[in-house]
Amino acid sequence: MSRHSDNRNPVLRVTICIVFVLIIAGLIGGLLYRAIGSRGTTDYINYNDIDYSAETESDITLQAQDNIFSVKSATGGMADYSVKIVANSENNFEFVMDGQTYNFISADENNNDYTSVFGVSEYADYFVVNIPDDFTVEGAVESVYGKDIEILDELNSSYCYFTIVITLGGNSINLNFNYCLATF
């Protein structure tokens, strides 16, 4: 009598098939995870080849130029977003205007909005933040208040006095920034 090994152990054949299917599913899952990455399925911002996703707070340095931020959707479609630049509450200072002392961080939210100072332009899949060549924190504050001011303390050039707040897909990304002016 001859025995065929194909009919010998059906349990072994089923087990091998299940292991094979699990290995293939694991490989596909691993490839999908690498494709999506640590961002998960959320929308995100990219600046200088670094991704910033929901509920992120980071410190960045902008250049004296048009700084371009890409708005990316994990689903491949267009992301719904808005951009606002505000005073960074972590770096307050005092200034004098019309003989009275004020704080950089104001109780009046309108005085904390610096979006217009930076010429923010929003497009379908990116936005631009412009840092003028002659930018100063003092000049930004004067622009918002519409009057000359005198800053009482020396400002630290490495501090992030402003924050870009990106509202993206119902979440917010806060990018505190300082700036680097061109020197020739």
N, C-alpha and C. Protein backbone atom coordinates (compact mmCIF):
# COMPACT_ATOMS: atom_id res chain seq x y z
N MET A 1 0.82 -1.17 0.00
CA MET A 1 0.00 0.00 0.00
C MET A 1 0.87 1.24 0.00
N SER A 2 0.47 2.13 -0.82
CA SER A 2 1.21 3.39 -0.82
C SER A 2 0.34 4.48 -0.21
N ARG A 3 1.05 5.29 0.51
CA ARG A 3 0.32 6.41 1.15
C ARG A 3 0.71 7.71 0.47
N HIS A 4 -0.27 8.55 0.27
CA HIS A 4 0.00 9.89 -0.27
C HIS A 4 0.09 10.85 0.89
N SER A 5 1.13 11.63 0.92
CA SER A 5 1.33 12.57 2.02
C SER A 5 0.27 13.67 2.03
N ASP A 6 -0.41 13.90 0.90
CA ASP A 6 -1.43 14.94 0.84
C ASP A 6 -2.63 14.62 1.72
N ASN A 7 -2.94 13.35 1.90
CA ASN A 7 -4.11 12.96 2.67
C ASN A 7 -3.77 12.61 4.11
N ARG A 8 -2.53 12.70 4.44
CA ARG A 8 -2.05 12.21 5.71
C ARG A 8 -2.50 13.01 6.91
N ASN A 9 -2.36 14.36 6.85
CA ASN A 9 -2.67 15.15 8.03
C ASN A 9 -3.39 16.45 7.63
N PRO A 10 -4.71 16.40 7.52
CA PRO A 10 -5.44 17.60 7.13
C PRO A 10 -5.35 18.72 8.16
N VAL A 11 -5.16 18.40 9.42
CA VAL A 11 -5.03 19.42 10.45
C VAL A 11 -3.76 20.23 10.21
N LEU A 12 -2.68 19.55 9.84
CA LEU A 12 -1.42 20.24 9.55
C LEU A 12 -1.58 21.18 8.35
N ARG A 13 -2.29 20.75 7.32
CA ARG A 13 -2.50 21.58 6.13
C ARG A 13 -3.30 22.83 6.48
N VAL A 14 -4.34 22.70 7.30
CA VAL A 14 -5.16 23.84 7.70
C VAL A 14 -4.33 24.81 8.54
N THR A 15 -3.52 24.27 9.45
CA THR A 15 -2.67 25.11 10.30
C THR A 15 -1.68 25.90 9.47
N ILE A 16 -1.06 25.26 8.49
CA ILE A 16 -0.10 25.94 7.62
C ILE A 16 -0.80 27.05 6.83
N CYS A 17 -2.00 26.80 6.34
CA CYS A 17 -2.74 27.83 5.60
C CYS A 17 -3.08 29.03 6.49
N ILE A 18 -3.49 28.76 7.73
CA ILE A 18 -3.83 29.85 8.65
C ILE A 18 -2.59 30.68 8.97
N VAL A 19 -1.46 30.04 9.22
CA VAL A 19 -0.21 30.76 9.50
C VAL A 19 0.18 31.61 8.29
N PHE A 20 0.05 31.04 7.10
CA PHE A 20 0.40 31.76 5.89
C PHE A 20 -0.48 33.02 5.73
N VAL A 21 -1.80 32.88 5.96
CA VAL A 21 -2.71 34.02 5.86
C VAL A 21 -2.37 35.09 6.90
N LEU A 22 -2.02 34.68 8.12
CA LEU A 22 -1.66 35.64 9.16
C LEU A 22 -0.37 36.39 8.81
N ILE A 23 0.59 35.70 8.23
CA ILE A 23 1.84 36.36 7.82
C ILE A 23 1.55 37.40 6.75
N ILE A 24 0.75 37.05 5.77
CA ILE A 24 0.40 38.00 4.70
C ILE A 24 -0.36 39.20 5.28
N ALA A 25 -1.32 38.96 6.16
CA ALA A 25 -2.08 40.06 6.78
C ALA A 25 -1.15 40.96 7.60
N GLY A 26 -0.20 40.38 8.31
CA GLY A 26 0.77 41.17 9.08
C GLY A 26 1.63 42.03 8.19
N LEU A 27 2.07 41.50 7.07
CA LEU A 27 2.87 42.28 6.12
C LEU A 27 2.07 43.45 5.55
N ILE A 28 0.83 43.19 5.18
CA ILE A 28 -0.02 44.26 4.64
C ILE A 28 -0.27 45.32 5.70
N GLY A 29 -0.56 44.90 6.93
CA GLY A 29 -0.76 45.86 8.02
C GLY A 29 0.47 46.69 8.28
N GLY A 30 1.64 46.07 8.27
CA GLY A 30 2.89 46.80 8.46
C GLY A 30 3.14 47.82 7.37
N LEU A 31 2.87 47.44 6.12
CA LEU A 31 3.03 48.38 5.01
C LEU A 31 2.07 49.55 5.12
N LEU A 32 0.82 49.28 5.52
CA LEU A 32 -0.14 50.37 5.70
C LEU A 32 0.29 51.31 6.82
N TYR A 33 0.79 50.76 7.92
CA TYR A 33 1.25 51.60 9.03
C TYR A 33 2.40 52.49 8.57
N ARG A 34 3.34 51.94 7.81
CA ARG A 34 4.46 52.76 7.33
C ARG A 34 3.98 53.82 6.35
N ALA A 35 2.97 53.48 5.53
CA ALA A 35 2.46 54.45 4.56
C ALA A 35 1.76 55.61 5.26
N ILE A 36 0.98 55.30 6.29
CA ILE A 36 0.27 56.35 7.03
C ILE A 36 1.21 57.03 8.01
N GLY A 37 2.12 56.28 8.60
CA GLY A 37 3.11 56.84 9.53
C GLY A 37 2.49 57.18 10.86
N SER A 38 3.23 57.94 11.64
CA SER A 38 2.81 58.29 12.99
C SER A 38 1.69 59.32 13.01
N ARG A 39 1.35 59.89 11.85
CA ARG A 39 0.27 60.88 11.79
C ARG A 39 -1.09 60.24 11.97
N GLY A 40 -1.16 58.94 11.76
CA GLY A 40 -2.46 58.28 11.84
C GLY A 40 -3.29 58.71 10.65
N THR A 41 -4.54 58.99 10.88
CA THR A 41 -5.43 59.37 9.78
C THR A 41 -5.83 60.84 9.87
N THR A 42 -5.02 61.66 10.51
CA THR A 42 -5.36 63.07 10.67
C THR A 42 -4.72 63.92 9.59
N ASP A 43 -5.27 65.10 9.43
CA ASP A 43 -4.66 66.08 8.55
C ASP A 43 -3.45 66.67 9.27
N TYR A 44 -2.53 67.27 8.52
CA TYR A 44 -1.32 67.79 9.14
C TYR A 44 -0.73 68.93 8.32
N ILE A 45 0.22 69.63 8.93
CA ILE A 45 0.94 70.74 8.30
C ILE A 45 2.38 70.29 8.09
N ASN A 46 2.97 70.72 6.98
CA ASN A 46 4.38 70.43 6.73
C ASN A 46 5.11 71.75 6.52
N TYR A 47 6.19 71.93 7.28
CA TYR A 47 7.05 73.11 7.11
C TYR A 47 8.49 72.64 7.20
N ASN A 48 9.27 72.99 6.18
CA ASN A 48 10.68 72.59 6.12
C ASN A 48 10.86 71.08 6.29
N ASP A 49 10.02 70.31 5.61
CA ASP A 49 10.08 68.85 5.61
C ASP A 49 9.81 68.22 6.98
N ILE A 50 9.14 68.93 7.87
CA ILE A 50 8.74 68.38 9.16
C ILE A 50 7.22 68.46 9.24
N ASP A 51 6.59 67.35 9.64
CA ASP A 51 5.14 67.29 9.77
C ASP A 51 4.72 67.66 11.19
N TYR A 52 3.63 68.44 11.27
CA TYR A 52 3.03 68.83 12.54
C TYR A 52 1.56 68.44 12.47
N SER A 53 1.11 67.59 13.39
CA SER A 53 -0.27 67.12 13.34
C SER A 53 -1.08 67.65 14.51
N ALA A 54 -2.31 67.19 14.60
CA ALA A 54 -3.27 67.69 15.58
C ALA A 54 -2.72 67.71 17.00
N GLU A 55 -3.12 68.77 17.70
CA GLU A 55 -2.74 68.98 19.10
C GLU A 55 -1.23 69.07 19.30
N THR A 56 -0.53 69.53 18.28
CA THR A 56 0.91 69.72 18.36
C THR A 56 1.22 71.14 18.82
N GLU A 57 2.24 71.27 19.66
CA GLU A 57 2.79 72.58 19.99
C GLU A 57 4.30 72.45 19.84
N SER A 58 4.88 73.24 18.95
CA SER A 58 6.31 73.17 18.67
C SER A 58 6.87 74.57 18.52
N ASP A 59 8.18 74.68 18.69
CA ASP A 59 8.89 75.93 18.45
C ASP A 59 9.64 75.81 17.13
N ILE A 60 9.48 76.83 16.28
CA ILE A 60 10.15 76.85 14.99
C ILE A 60 10.78 78.21 14.77
N THR A 61 11.68 78.30 13.80
CA THR A 61 12.30 79.57 13.41
C THR A 61 11.89 79.87 11.97
N LEU A 62 11.34 81.05 11.75
CA LEU A 62 10.97 81.49 10.40
C LEU A 62 12.05 82.40 9.86
N GLN A 63 12.15 82.44 8.56
CA GLN A 63 13.13 83.28 7.88
C GLN A 63 12.49 84.59 7.44
N ALA A 64 13.32 85.59 7.20
CA ALA A 64 12.84 86.88 6.69
C ALA A 64 12.53 86.71 5.21
N GLN A 65 11.36 86.18 4.95
CA GLN A 65 10.91 85.88 3.60
C GLN A 65 9.49 85.33 3.67
N ASP A 66 9.00 84.82 2.55
CA ASP A 66 7.73 84.10 2.56
C ASP A 66 8.00 82.68 3.05
N ASN A 67 7.40 82.31 4.15
CA ASN A 67 7.53 80.97 4.72
C ASN A 67 6.29 80.18 4.33
N ILE A 68 6.48 79.09 3.60
CA ILE A 68 5.37 78.33 3.04
C ILE A 68 5.11 77.07 3.87
N PHE A 69 3.86 76.91 4.28
CA PHE A 69 3.40 75.77 5.06
C PHE A 69 2.42 74.98 4.21
N SER A 70 2.70 73.72 3.95
CA SER A 70 1.78 72.87 3.19
C SER A 70 0.72 72.32 4.12
N VAL A 71 -0.50 72.28 3.63
CA VAL A 71 -1.61 71.71 4.38
C VAL A 71 -1.93 70.37 3.72
N LYS A 72 -1.80 69.30 4.47
CA LYS A 72 -1.95 67.95 3.92
C LYS A 72 -3.15 67.25 4.54
N SER A 73 -3.84 66.49 3.73
CA SER A 73 -4.95 65.68 4.21
C SER A 73 -4.55 64.22 4.11
N ALA A 74 -4.73 63.48 5.18
CA ALA A 74 -4.39 62.06 5.19
C ALA A 74 -5.26 61.27 4.23
N THR A 75 -6.42 61.82 3.88
CA THR A 75 -7.32 61.13 2.96
C THR A 75 -7.05 61.50 1.51
N GLY A 76 -6.14 62.44 1.28
CA GLY A 76 -5.82 62.83 -0.08
C GLY A 76 -6.67 63.97 -0.62
N GLY A 77 -7.73 64.34 0.08
CA GLY A 77 -8.59 65.44 -0.37
C GLY A 77 -8.07 66.78 0.13
N MET A 78 -8.88 67.79 -0.02
CA MET A 78 -8.54 69.12 0.46
C MET A 78 -8.91 69.24 1.94
N ALA A 79 -8.02 69.82 2.71
CA ALA A 79 -8.26 69.99 4.14
C ALA A 79 -8.89 71.35 4.40
N ASP A 80 -9.84 71.41 5.29
CA ASP A 80 -10.47 72.66 5.71
C ASP A 80 -9.65 73.21 6.87
N TYR A 81 -9.13 74.42 6.73
CA TYR A 81 -8.25 74.98 7.76
C TYR A 81 -8.38 76.49 7.83
N SER A 82 -7.87 77.06 8.94
CA SER A 82 -7.75 78.51 9.09
C SER A 82 -6.46 78.80 9.85
N VAL A 83 -5.93 80.00 9.66
CA VAL A 83 -4.66 80.38 10.26
C VAL A 83 -4.81 81.72 10.96
N LYS A 84 -4.23 81.79 12.16
CA LYS A 84 -4.23 83.03 12.92
C LYS A 84 -2.87 83.11 13.63
N ILE A 85 -2.31 84.31 13.73
CA ILE A 85 -1.07 84.50 14.48
C ILE A 85 -1.39 85.36 15.69
N VAL A 86 -1.02 84.85 16.86
CA VAL A 86 -1.34 85.52 18.12
C VAL A 86 -0.07 85.71 18.95
N ALA A 87 -0.19 86.57 19.96
CA ALA A 87 0.90 86.76 20.92
C ALA A 87 1.08 85.46 21.70
N ASN A 88 2.32 85.04 21.89
CA ASN A 88 2.62 83.82 22.64
C ASN A 88 2.58 84.13 24.13
N SER A 89 1.62 83.54 24.83
CA SER A 89 1.40 83.86 26.24
C SER A 89 2.57 83.42 27.14
N GLU A 90 3.48 82.61 26.62
CA GLU A 90 4.63 82.17 27.42
C GLU A 90 5.71 83.25 27.52
N ASN A 91 5.67 84.25 26.66
CA ASN A 91 6.74 85.25 26.62
C ASN A 91 6.16 86.66 26.66
N ASN A 92 5.74 87.05 27.83
CA ASN A 92 5.14 88.36 28.03
C ASN A 92 6.23 89.39 28.33
N PHE A 93 5.97 90.64 28.04
CA PHE A 93 6.85 91.75 28.39
C PHE A 93 6.01 93.00 28.53
N GLU A 94 6.60 94.03 29.11
CA GLU A 94 5.88 95.29 29.30
C GLU A 94 6.39 96.33 28.30
N PHE A 95 5.46 97.22 27.93
CA PHE A 95 5.83 98.34 27.07
C PHE A 95 5.03 99.57 27.50
N VAL A 96 5.54 100.74 27.13
CA VAL A 96 4.88 101.99 27.46
C VAL A 96 4.28 102.58 26.19
N MET A 97 3.02 103.02 26.32
CA MET A 97 2.33 103.67 25.22
C MET A 97 1.51 104.81 25.83
N ASP A 98 1.68 106.00 25.31
CA ASP A 98 0.97 107.18 25.82
C ASP A 98 1.15 107.34 27.34
N GLY A 99 2.35 107.03 27.82
CA GLY A 99 2.67 107.23 29.24
C GLY A 99 2.14 106.15 30.17
N GLN A 100 1.45 105.14 29.64
CA GLN A 100 0.94 104.05 30.48
C GLN A 100 1.66 102.75 30.14
N THR A 101 1.80 101.90 31.14
CA THR A 101 2.46 100.60 30.95
C THR A 101 1.42 99.54 30.60
N TYR A 102 1.75 98.75 29.57
CA TYR A 102 0.88 97.67 29.10
C TYR A 102 1.68 96.38 29.03
N ASN A 103 0.95 95.25 29.03
CA ASN A 103 1.55 93.94 28.81
C ASN A 103 1.37 93.54 27.35
N PHE A 104 2.37 92.86 26.82
CA PHE A 104 2.29 92.30 25.46
C PHE A 104 1.07 91.39 25.35
N ILE A 105 0.86 90.54 26.35
CA ILE A 105 -0.32 89.68 26.38
C ILE A 105 -1.46 90.52 26.94
N SER A 106 -2.41 90.81 26.08
CA SER A 106 -3.49 91.72 26.45
C SER A 106 -4.74 90.96 26.87
N ALA A 107 -5.52 91.56 27.77
CA ALA A 107 -6.82 91.01 28.14
C ALA A 107 -7.80 91.14 26.97
N ASP A 108 -7.54 92.09 26.08
CA ASP A 108 -8.37 92.30 24.88
C ASP A 108 -7.81 91.40 23.76
N GLU A 109 -8.55 90.36 23.40
CA GLU A 109 -8.08 89.40 22.38
C GLU A 109 -7.73 90.06 21.05
N ASN A 110 -8.39 91.17 20.70
CA ASN A 110 -8.07 91.87 19.46
C ASN A 110 -6.63 92.36 19.45
N ASN A 111 -6.12 92.73 20.63
CA ASN A 111 -4.74 93.22 20.71
C ASN A 111 -3.73 92.08 20.72
N ASN A 112 -4.18 90.84 20.79
CA ASN A 112 -3.29 89.68 20.71
C ASN A 112 -3.21 89.09 19.30
N ASP A 113 -4.01 89.61 18.37
CA ASP A 113 -4.07 89.08 17.01
C ASP A 113 -3.07 89.83 16.11
N TYR A 114 -2.04 89.11 15.65
CA TYR A 114 -0.99 89.70 14.82
C TYR A 114 -1.01 89.16 13.39
N THR A 115 -2.11 88.53 13.00
CA THR A 115 -2.21 87.91 11.68
C THR A 115 -1.91 88.90 10.56
N SER A 116 -2.48 90.10 10.63
CA SER A 116 -2.29 91.08 9.55
C SER A 116 -0.85 91.59 9.48
N VAL A 117 -0.14 91.59 10.60
CA VAL A 117 1.25 92.06 10.62
C VAL A 117 2.14 91.17 9.75
N PHE A 118 1.81 89.88 9.70
CA PHE A 118 2.65 88.93 8.98
C PHE A 118 2.15 88.61 7.58
N GLY A 119 1.18 89.35 7.09
CA GLY A 119 0.72 89.16 5.71
C GLY A 119 0.39 87.72 5.40
N VAL A 120 -0.39 87.07 6.26
CA VAL A 120 -0.75 85.67 6.05
C VAL A 120 -1.66 85.55 4.83
N SER A 121 -1.29 84.64 3.92
CA SER A 121 -2.11 84.36 2.75
C SER A 121 -2.47 82.88 2.78
N GLU A 122 -3.76 82.58 2.64
CA GLU A 122 -4.24 81.19 2.66
C GLU A 122 -4.66 80.76 1.26
N TYR A 123 -4.23 79.56 0.87
CA TYR A 123 -4.59 78.96 -0.41
C TYR A 123 -5.18 77.58 -0.15
N ALA A 124 -5.60 76.89 -1.19
CA ALA A 124 -6.28 75.60 -1.02
C ALA A 124 -5.45 74.59 -0.24
N ASP A 125 -4.16 74.46 -0.56
CA ASP A 125 -3.36 73.42 0.09
C ASP A 125 -2.07 73.94 0.72
N TYR A 126 -1.99 75.25 0.93
CA TYR A 126 -0.84 75.81 1.64
C TYR A 126 -1.18 77.23 2.11
N PHE A 127 -0.35 77.71 3.04
CA PHE A 127 -0.47 79.11 3.44
C PHE A 127 0.93 79.68 3.58
N VAL A 128 1.00 81.02 3.54
CA VAL A 128 2.27 81.73 3.57
C VAL A 128 2.27 82.71 4.73
N VAL A 129 3.36 82.70 5.49
CA VAL A 129 3.59 83.68 6.55
C VAL A 129 4.81 84.49 6.14
N ASN A 130 4.64 85.80 6.01
CA ASN A 130 5.74 86.65 5.56
C ASN A 130 6.39 87.36 6.74
N ILE A 131 7.71 87.23 6.83
CA ILE A 131 8.49 87.99 7.81
C ILE A 131 9.24 89.06 7.01
N PRO A 132 8.87 90.33 7.15
CA PRO A 132 9.56 91.39 6.41
C PRO A 132 11.04 91.49 6.81
N ASP A 133 11.87 91.96 5.91
CA ASP A 133 13.32 92.09 6.17
C ASP A 133 13.60 92.99 7.37
N ASP A 134 12.75 93.97 7.61
CA ASP A 134 12.99 94.92 8.69
C ASP A 134 12.10 94.64 9.92
N PHE A 135 11.65 93.41 10.06
CA PHE A 135 10.72 93.05 11.13
C PHE A 135 11.34 93.23 12.51
N THR A 136 10.53 93.78 13.44
CA THR A 136 10.88 93.83 14.87
C THR A 136 9.61 93.54 15.66
N VAL A 137 9.78 93.01 16.85
CA VAL A 137 8.63 92.78 17.74
C VAL A 137 8.00 94.13 18.06
N GLU A 138 8.83 95.13 18.33
CA GLU A 138 8.31 96.47 18.64
C GLU A 138 7.44 96.99 17.50
N GLY A 139 7.91 96.84 16.26
CA GLY A 139 7.14 97.28 15.11
C GLY A 139 5.82 96.53 14.97
N ALA A 140 5.82 95.24 15.30
CA ALA A 140 4.58 94.45 15.24
C ALA A 140 3.56 94.97 16.26
N VAL A 141 4.03 95.24 17.48
CA VAL A 141 3.12 95.75 18.52
C VAL A 141 2.59 97.13 18.11
N GLU A 142 3.46 97.99 17.58
CA GLU A 142 3.03 99.32 17.13
C GLU A 142 1.98 99.19 16.03
N SER A 143 2.14 98.22 15.15
CA SER A 143 1.17 98.02 14.08
C SER A 143 -0.20 97.62 14.61
N VAL A 144 -0.23 96.76 15.62
CA VAL A 144 -1.51 96.33 16.20
C VAL A 144 -2.18 97.46 16.98
N TYR A 145 -1.41 98.21 17.76
CA TYR A 145 -1.98 99.28 18.58
C TYR A 145 -2.14 100.59 17.82
N GLY A 146 -1.44 100.74 16.71
CA GLY A 146 -1.56 101.96 15.92
C GLY A 146 -0.87 103.16 16.51
N LYS A 147 0.05 102.93 17.46
CA LYS A 147 0.77 104.03 18.12
C LYS A 147 2.21 103.59 18.38
N ASP A 148 3.07 104.59 18.61
CA ASP A 148 4.45 104.29 18.99
C ASP A 148 4.48 103.72 20.40
N ILE A 149 5.39 102.78 20.61
CA ILE A 149 5.56 102.20 21.94
C ILE A 149 7.04 102.20 22.30
N GLU A 150 7.31 101.96 23.57
CA GLU A 150 8.68 101.76 24.03
C GLU A 150 8.68 100.50 24.90
N ILE A 151 9.48 99.52 24.48
CA ILE A 151 9.57 98.28 25.25
C ILE A 151 10.49 98.52 26.44
N LEU A 152 10.03 98.12 27.62
CA LEU A 152 10.77 98.42 28.85
C LEU A 152 11.97 97.49 29.07
N ASP A 153 11.83 96.23 28.74
CA ASP A 153 12.92 95.28 28.94
C ASP A 153 13.55 94.91 27.60
N GLU A 154 14.79 94.43 27.64
CA GLU A 154 15.43 93.96 26.43
C GLU A 154 14.81 92.62 26.06
N LEU A 155 14.44 92.48 24.79
CA LEU A 155 13.84 91.24 24.34
C LEU A 155 14.93 90.23 23.98
N ASN A 156 14.66 88.96 24.21
CA ASN A 156 15.60 87.89 23.90
C ASN A 156 15.31 87.39 22.49
N SER A 157 16.28 87.48 21.60
CA SER A 157 16.06 87.12 20.20
C SER A 157 15.77 85.64 19.99
N SER A 158 16.04 84.80 20.98
CA SER A 158 15.76 83.37 20.81
C SER A 158 14.35 83.01 21.30
N TYR A 159 13.64 83.95 21.93
CA TYR A 159 12.29 83.67 22.42
C TYR A 159 11.28 83.68 21.27
N CYS A 160 10.26 82.88 21.41
CA CYS A 160 9.16 82.84 20.45
C CYS A 160 8.06 83.75 20.97
N TYR A 161 7.96 84.95 20.44
CA TYR A 161 6.97 85.91 20.92
C TYR A 161 5.61 85.75 20.24
N PHE A 162 5.55 84.95 19.18
CA PHE A 162 4.31 84.79 18.44
C PHE A 162 4.01 83.30 18.22
N THR A 163 2.73 83.00 18.03
CA THR A 163 2.29 81.63 17.80
C THR A 163 1.38 81.59 16.57
N ILE A 164 1.68 80.69 15.65
CA ILE A 164 0.78 80.42 14.53
C ILE A 164 -0.21 79.37 15.02
N VAL A 165 -1.49 79.71 14.99
CA VAL A 165 -2.54 78.77 15.41
C VAL A 165 -3.26 78.31 14.15
N ILE A 166 -3.11 77.03 13.82
CA ILE A 166 -3.76 76.46 12.65
C ILE A 166 -4.91 75.59 13.14
N THR A 167 -6.12 75.93 12.75
CA THR A 167 -7.27 75.09 13.06
C THR A 167 -7.50 74.22 11.83
N LEU A 168 -7.40 72.91 12.05
CA LEU A 168 -7.39 71.97 10.93
C LEU A 168 -8.23 70.76 11.30
N GLY A 169 -9.33 70.57 10.58
CA GLY A 169 -10.18 69.42 10.84
C GLY A 169 -10.71 69.37 12.26
N GLY A 170 -11.01 70.53 12.85
CA GLY A 170 -11.53 70.56 14.20
C GLY A 170 -10.46 70.49 15.28
N ASN A 171 -9.22 70.32 14.91
CA ASN A 171 -8.10 70.27 15.86
C ASN A 171 -7.24 71.51 15.68
N SER A 172 -6.34 71.71 16.63
CA SER A 172 -5.48 72.88 16.50
C SER A 172 -4.01 72.48 16.60
N ILE A 173 -3.21 73.17 15.81
CA ILE A 173 -1.76 73.01 15.81
C ILE A 173 -1.19 74.37 16.17
N ASN A 174 -0.37 74.44 17.23
CA ASN A 174 0.25 75.70 17.66
C ASN A 174 1.74 75.64 17.38
N LEU A 175 2.20 76.56 16.55
CA LEU A 175 3.63 76.65 16.23
C LEU A 175 4.15 77.98 16.74
N ASN A 176 4.84 77.95 17.89
CA ASN A 176 5.49 79.15 18.42
C ASN A 176 6.69 79.44 17.55
N PHE A 177 6.91 80.72 17.22
CA PHE A 177 8.05 80.98 16.35
C PHE A 177 8.85 82.20 16.76
N ASN A 178 10.13 82.11 16.48
CA ASN A 178 11.01 83.27 16.48
C ASN A 178 11.40 83.48 15.03
N TYR A 179 12.27 84.40 14.76
CA TYR A 179 12.58 84.71 13.37
C TYR A 179 14.07 84.98 13.23
N CYS A 180 14.51 84.75 12.01
CA CYS A 180 15.91 84.98 11.67
C CYS A 180 15.93 85.96 10.51
N LEU A 181 16.46 87.16 10.77
CA LEU A 181 16.54 88.17 9.71
C LEU A 181 17.79 87.92 8.88
N ALA A 182 17.67 88.21 7.60
CA ALA A 182 18.79 88.03 6.69
C ALA A 182 19.89 89.05 7.05
N THR A 183 21.11 88.58 7.10
CA THR A 183 22.25 89.47 7.33
C THR A 183 23.23 89.29 6.19
N PHE A 184 23.63 90.39 5.59
CA PHE A 184 24.56 90.33 4.46
C PHE A 184 25.80 91.10 4.77
